[in-house]
Amino acid sequence: MWKDWFFYTRSQRRVIVLLLIILVLLLFLMVGEKANKDKVEIAAEPLLIADSLYCKIEKERQERERNYKNRTYRKNEWTAFEKKKSPDTVVYEVRKPKKDSLRFPGQEKYSAGIVIDVNSADTSILKKIPGIGRVISKNIVSYRNRLGGFYDVGQLLEVKYVDSTLLVWFQVKSDVFRKINVNKASIEELRSHPYMDFHKAKAIVDFRRKRGRISGMSQISMFKEFSDGDISRLSHYFTFE
């Protein structure tokens, strides 16, 4: 068959070649179109999956919003209870506690008029005072131990969460139970007191090293690191034996 090629004229051979080229191009176009169609179908499959997941997530979100709108929260009480208005609606009322003053079943509270010693009461006694719970009672005892005792009930206001309404329950019956010997205490012991800091403690230790013993608060009042308020407060906690 290919031998017949030589019997065609030049113009006939050109027409045949042109037809073959057109046929090859058509085949390439058909193959390319099919490949693109397959790609589009493959690319569309993840999109369909993602769209399905999004619809599911969106449906769940809308369901949660509907459930949330059926609940009304009122933060005016501490104990929680529910009141059924309809089979689908529940109203919750929540009582908000005042600071630390939560009453638990069986917890006894003092009645008005009782006054306790601020320097001897332990946490179990402190928790019987209305307005004082576990946190405030621990704060009072911890701060009292750091001070060495209270000399005035007003010092309770230096304790975290204690306000002036609680002072009526206290009085100072016993004196400060621990004092600092200014002439023997180390710089760490001096600075650990709530009314002291590193600079005050260093001033005392430096004076002792250079000039010897300190005779009293009048001598410390000459130190620039101490204010009149510091002298007044620390006079209850310093001893010069």
Protein backbone atom coordinates (compact mmCIF):
# COMPACT_ATOMS: atom_id res chain seq x y z
CA MET A 1 0.00 0.00 0.00
CA TRP A 2 2.75 2.41 0.87
CA LYS A 3 4.20 1.74 -2.63
CA ASP A 4 1.13 3.46 -4.13
CA TRP A 5 2.33 6.66 -2.47
CA PHE A 6 4.84 7.18 -5.27
CA PHE A 7 2.13 7.09 -7.91
CA TYR A 8 0.30 10.11 -6.43
CA THR A 9 1.05 13.52 -7.74
CA ARG A 10 2.77 16.07 -5.53
CA SER A 11 -0.44 17.98 -4.87
CA GLN A 12 -2.28 14.76 -3.94
CA ARG A 13 0.45 13.81 -1.51
CA ARG A 14 0.21 17.26 0.15
CA VAL A 15 -3.54 16.87 0.59
CA ILE A 16 -3.07 13.41 2.14
CA VAL A 17 -0.39 14.70 4.56
CA LEU A 18 -2.62 17.62 5.54
CA LEU A 19 -5.53 15.29 6.24
CA LEU A 20 -3.29 13.05 8.37
CA ILE A 21 -2.11 16.06 10.38
CA ILE A 22 -5.71 17.19 10.92
CA LEU A 23 -6.66 13.66 12.02
CA VAL A 24 -3.77 13.53 14.53
CA LEU A 25 -4.74 16.94 15.94
CA LEU A 26 -8.34 15.81 16.34
CA LEU A 27 -7.16 12.71 18.23
CA PHE A 28 -5.02 14.85 20.56
CA LEU A 29 -7.94 17.20 21.21
CA MET A 30 -10.26 14.32 22.03
CA VAL A 31 -7.74 12.74 24.41
CA GLY A 32 -7.04 16.11 26.12
CA GLU A 33 -10.75 16.87 26.56
CA LYS A 34 -11.32 13.50 28.22
CA ALA A 35 -8.33 14.00 30.54
CA ASN A 36 -9.60 17.45 31.57
CA LYS A 37 -13.04 16.03 32.23
CA ASP A 38 -11.52 13.37 34.48
CA LYS A 39 -9.47 16.01 36.32
CA VAL A 40 -12.53 18.15 36.91
CA GLU A 41 -14.44 15.15 38.24
CA ILE A 42 -11.51 14.18 40.51
CA ALA A 43 -11.09 17.78 41.77
CA ALA A 44 -14.81 18.08 42.37
CA GLU A 45 -14.92 15.05 44.65
CA PRO A 46 -12.94 16.64 47.61
CA LEU A 47 -15.05 19.78 47.22
CA LEU A 48 -18.22 17.75 47.56
CA ILE A 49 -16.84 16.04 50.69
CA ALA A 50 -15.77 19.36 52.20
CA ASP A 51 -19.14 20.90 51.41
CA SER A 52 -20.88 17.95 53.08
CA LEU A 53 -18.72 18.33 56.23
CA TYR A 54 -19.35 22.08 56.36
CA CYS A 55 -23.10 21.55 56.12
CA LYS A 56 -22.92 19.03 58.97
CA ILE A 57 -20.86 21.36 61.20
CA GLU A 58 -23.13 24.31 60.42
CA LYS A 59 -26.19 22.25 61.26
CA GLU A 60 -24.68 21.23 64.61
CA ARG A 61 -23.79 24.87 65.39
CA GLN A 62 -27.32 26.03 64.65
CA GLU A 63 -28.67 23.26 66.86
CA ARG A 64 -26.42 24.38 69.74
CA GLU A 65 -27.58 27.98 69.30
CA ARG A 66 -31.21 26.91 69.45
CA ASN A 67 -30.56 24.93 72.61
CA TYR A 68 -28.69 27.84 74.17
CA LYS A 69 -31.48 30.30 73.41
CA ASN A 70 -33.89 28.05 75.28
CA ARG A 71 -31.89 28.61 78.49
CA THR A 72 -31.95 31.85 80.49
CA TYR A 73 -29.30 32.48 83.15
CA ARG A 74 -29.86 34.80 86.07
CA LYS A 75 -26.82 35.48 88.27
CA ASN A 76 -28.64 36.83 91.30
CA GLU A 77 -28.55 33.77 93.60
CA TRP A 78 -25.98 31.13 94.57
CA THR A 79 -28.00 27.89 94.67
CA ALA A 80 -29.14 26.61 91.31
CA PHE A 81 -32.55 25.15 90.55
CA GLU A 82 -34.64 24.63 87.46
CA LYS A 83 -38.21 25.62 86.73
CA LYS A 84 -39.86 23.83 83.81
CA LYS A 85 -42.13 26.18 81.87
CA SER A 86 -42.53 23.85 78.92
CA PRO A 87 -41.09 20.49 77.89
CA ASP A 88 -38.40 22.26 75.81
CA THR A 89 -37.57 25.28 77.98
CA VAL A 90 -35.69 25.28 81.30
CA VAL A 91 -34.94 28.48 83.24
CA TYR A 92 -31.87 28.41 85.49
CA GLU A 93 -31.36 30.84 88.34
CA VAL A 94 -27.84 31.01 89.77
CA ARG A 95 -26.98 32.59 93.07
CA LYS A 96 -23.63 34.34 93.07
CA PRO A 97 -21.67 34.01 96.34
CA LYS A 98 -20.37 37.08 98.11
CA LYS A 99 -16.61 36.61 98.11
CA ASP A 100 -15.79 33.82 100.52
CA SER A 101 -18.97 33.65 102.57
CA LEU A 102 -20.51 30.40 101.38
CA ARG A 103 -22.70 28.49 103.77
CA PHE A 104 -22.41 24.76 103.57
CA PRO A 105 -24.74 22.27 105.25
CA GLY A 106 -23.81 21.85 108.91
CA GLN A 107 -21.48 24.88 109.00
CA GLU A 108 -22.20 26.88 112.14
CA LYS A 109 -21.98 30.68 112.05
CA TYR A 110 -21.71 33.09 114.97
CA SER A 111 -24.59 35.39 115.77
CA ALA A 112 -24.18 39.18 115.98
CA GLY A 113 -22.47 40.51 119.11
CA ILE A 114 -19.78 37.84 119.42
CA VAL A 115 -16.21 39.19 119.38
CA ILE A 116 -13.10 36.99 119.11
CA ASP A 117 -9.40 37.56 119.75
CA VAL A 118 -7.69 38.24 116.45
CA ASN A 119 -4.37 36.82 117.71
CA SER A 120 -5.59 33.47 119.02
CA ALA A 121 -8.40 32.39 116.69
CA ASP A 122 -7.57 29.49 114.39
CA THR A 123 -9.13 28.83 111.00
CA SER A 124 -11.99 26.75 112.40
CA ILE A 125 -13.07 29.68 114.62
CA LEU A 126 -12.55 32.26 111.90
CA LYS A 127 -14.78 30.33 109.48
CA LYS A 128 -17.69 30.67 111.93
CA ILE A 129 -17.74 34.42 111.32
CA PRO A 130 -20.30 35.41 108.65
CA GLY A 131 -18.44 36.56 105.58
CA ILE A 132 -15.34 34.45 106.26
CA GLY A 133 -14.69 31.10 104.64
CA ARG A 134 -11.74 28.86 103.94
CA VAL A 135 -9.74 31.33 101.85
CA ILE A 136 -10.03 34.40 104.09
CA SER A 137 -9.43 32.40 107.27
CA LYS A 138 -6.18 31.00 105.83
CA ASN A 139 -5.12 34.44 104.65
CA ILE A 140 -5.63 35.89 108.15
CA VAL A 141 -3.67 33.15 109.91
CA SER A 142 -0.84 33.26 107.34
CA TYR A 143 -0.48 37.05 107.57
CA ARG A 144 -0.68 36.95 111.38
CA ASN A 145 2.21 34.44 111.49
CA ARG A 146 4.31 36.62 109.21
CA LEU A 147 3.64 39.69 111.35
CA GLY A 148 4.13 38.00 114.69
CA GLY A 149 0.62 39.01 115.78
CA PHE A 150 -1.75 41.96 115.39
CA TYR A 151 -1.54 44.99 117.67
CA ASP A 152 -4.65 46.60 116.14
CA VAL A 153 -7.71 45.16 114.39
CA GLY A 154 -7.25 47.70 111.60
CA GLN A 155 -4.28 45.65 110.41
CA LEU A 156 -6.76 43.07 109.15
CA LEU A 157 -7.45 45.39 106.24
CA GLU A 158 -3.94 44.51 105.02
CA VAL A 159 -5.13 40.92 104.52
CA LYS A 160 -6.37 40.00 101.05
CA TYR A 161 -10.20 39.94 100.71
CA VAL A 162 -10.83 41.38 104.19
CA ASP A 163 -12.96 44.54 104.24
CA SER A 164 -14.05 46.91 107.01
CA THR A 165 -17.38 45.12 107.57
CA LEU A 166 -15.52 42.20 109.20
CA LEU A 167 -13.69 44.28 111.81
CA VAL A 168 -16.67 44.33 114.19
CA TRP A 169 -16.08 40.65 114.93
CA PHE A 170 -12.53 41.14 116.24
CA GLN A 171 -10.60 42.71 119.06
CA VAL A 172 -6.99 42.48 120.31
CA LYS A 173 -7.08 40.61 123.61
CA SER A 174 -3.57 39.15 123.50
CA ASP A 175 -0.39 41.04 122.62
CA VAL A 176 2.00 40.49 119.72
CA PHE A 177 3.45 37.01 120.23
CA ARG A 178 6.72 37.29 118.28
CA LYS A 179 9.20 40.16 118.09
CA ILE A 180 12.44 40.62 116.18
CA ASN A 181 15.67 41.20 118.06
CA VAL A 182 17.16 44.03 116.00
CA ASN A 183 20.69 43.47 117.31
CA LYS A 184 20.77 39.74 116.52
CA ALA A 185 18.48 39.13 113.55
CA SER A 186 19.98 38.36 110.15
CA ILE A 187 19.17 40.41 107.09
CA GLU A 188 16.91 37.58 105.85
CA GLU A 189 14.94 37.52 109.10
CA LEU A 190 14.57 41.30 109.09
CA ARG A 191 13.41 41.58 105.51
CA SER A 192 10.88 38.74 105.87
CA HIS A 193 8.62 40.90 108.04
CA PRO A 194 5.72 42.46 106.07
CA TYR A 195 6.68 45.98 107.20
CA MET A 196 10.31 45.58 106.14
CA ASP A 197 12.18 45.28 102.85
CA PHE A 198 15.75 44.66 101.73
CA HIS A 199 16.87 48.30 102.00
CA LYS A 200 15.53 48.71 105.55
CA ALA A 201 17.09 45.42 106.65
CA LYS A 202 20.43 46.32 105.05
CA ALA A 203 20.47 49.71 106.77
CA ILE A 204 20.12 48.04 110.18
CA VAL A 205 22.75 45.37 109.49
CA ASP A 206 25.23 47.94 108.08
CA PHE A 207 24.78 50.18 111.15
CA ARG A 208 25.38 47.23 113.48
CA ARG A 209 28.54 46.24 111.62
CA LYS A 210 29.99 49.76 111.64
CA ARG A 211 28.82 51.17 114.98
CA GLY A 212 27.66 48.24 117.10
CA ARG A 213 24.38 47.77 118.93
CA ILE A 214 21.24 49.77 118.23
CA SER A 215 19.72 51.22 121.40
CA GLY A 216 16.12 51.79 120.31
CA MET A 217 13.58 53.04 117.77
CA SER A 218 14.82 56.63 118.15
CA GLN A 219 18.11 55.58 116.61
CA ILE A 220 16.39 53.73 113.74
CA SER A 221 14.20 56.79 113.09
CA MET A 222 17.36 58.57 111.94
CA PHE A 223 17.79 56.13 109.06
CA LYS A 224 16.59 57.63 105.78
CA GLU A 225 15.07 54.27 104.76
CA PHE A 226 12.41 54.48 107.52
CA SER A 227 9.41 56.82 107.48
CA ASP A 228 7.45 57.95 110.52
CA GLY A 229 4.79 55.40 109.64
CA ASP A 230 7.39 52.63 109.53
CA ILE A 231 8.72 53.61 112.97
CA SER A 232 5.22 53.65 114.45
CA ARG A 233 4.30 50.22 113.10
CA LEU A 234 7.64 48.49 113.69
CA SER A 235 7.87 49.69 117.30
CA HIS A 236 5.42 46.88 118.14
CA TYR A 237 7.65 44.22 116.59
CA PHE A 238 11.21 45.30 117.41
CA THR A 239 13.12 44.50 120.58
CA PHE A 240 16.68 45.62 121.37
CA GLU A 241 17.82 43.17 124.03
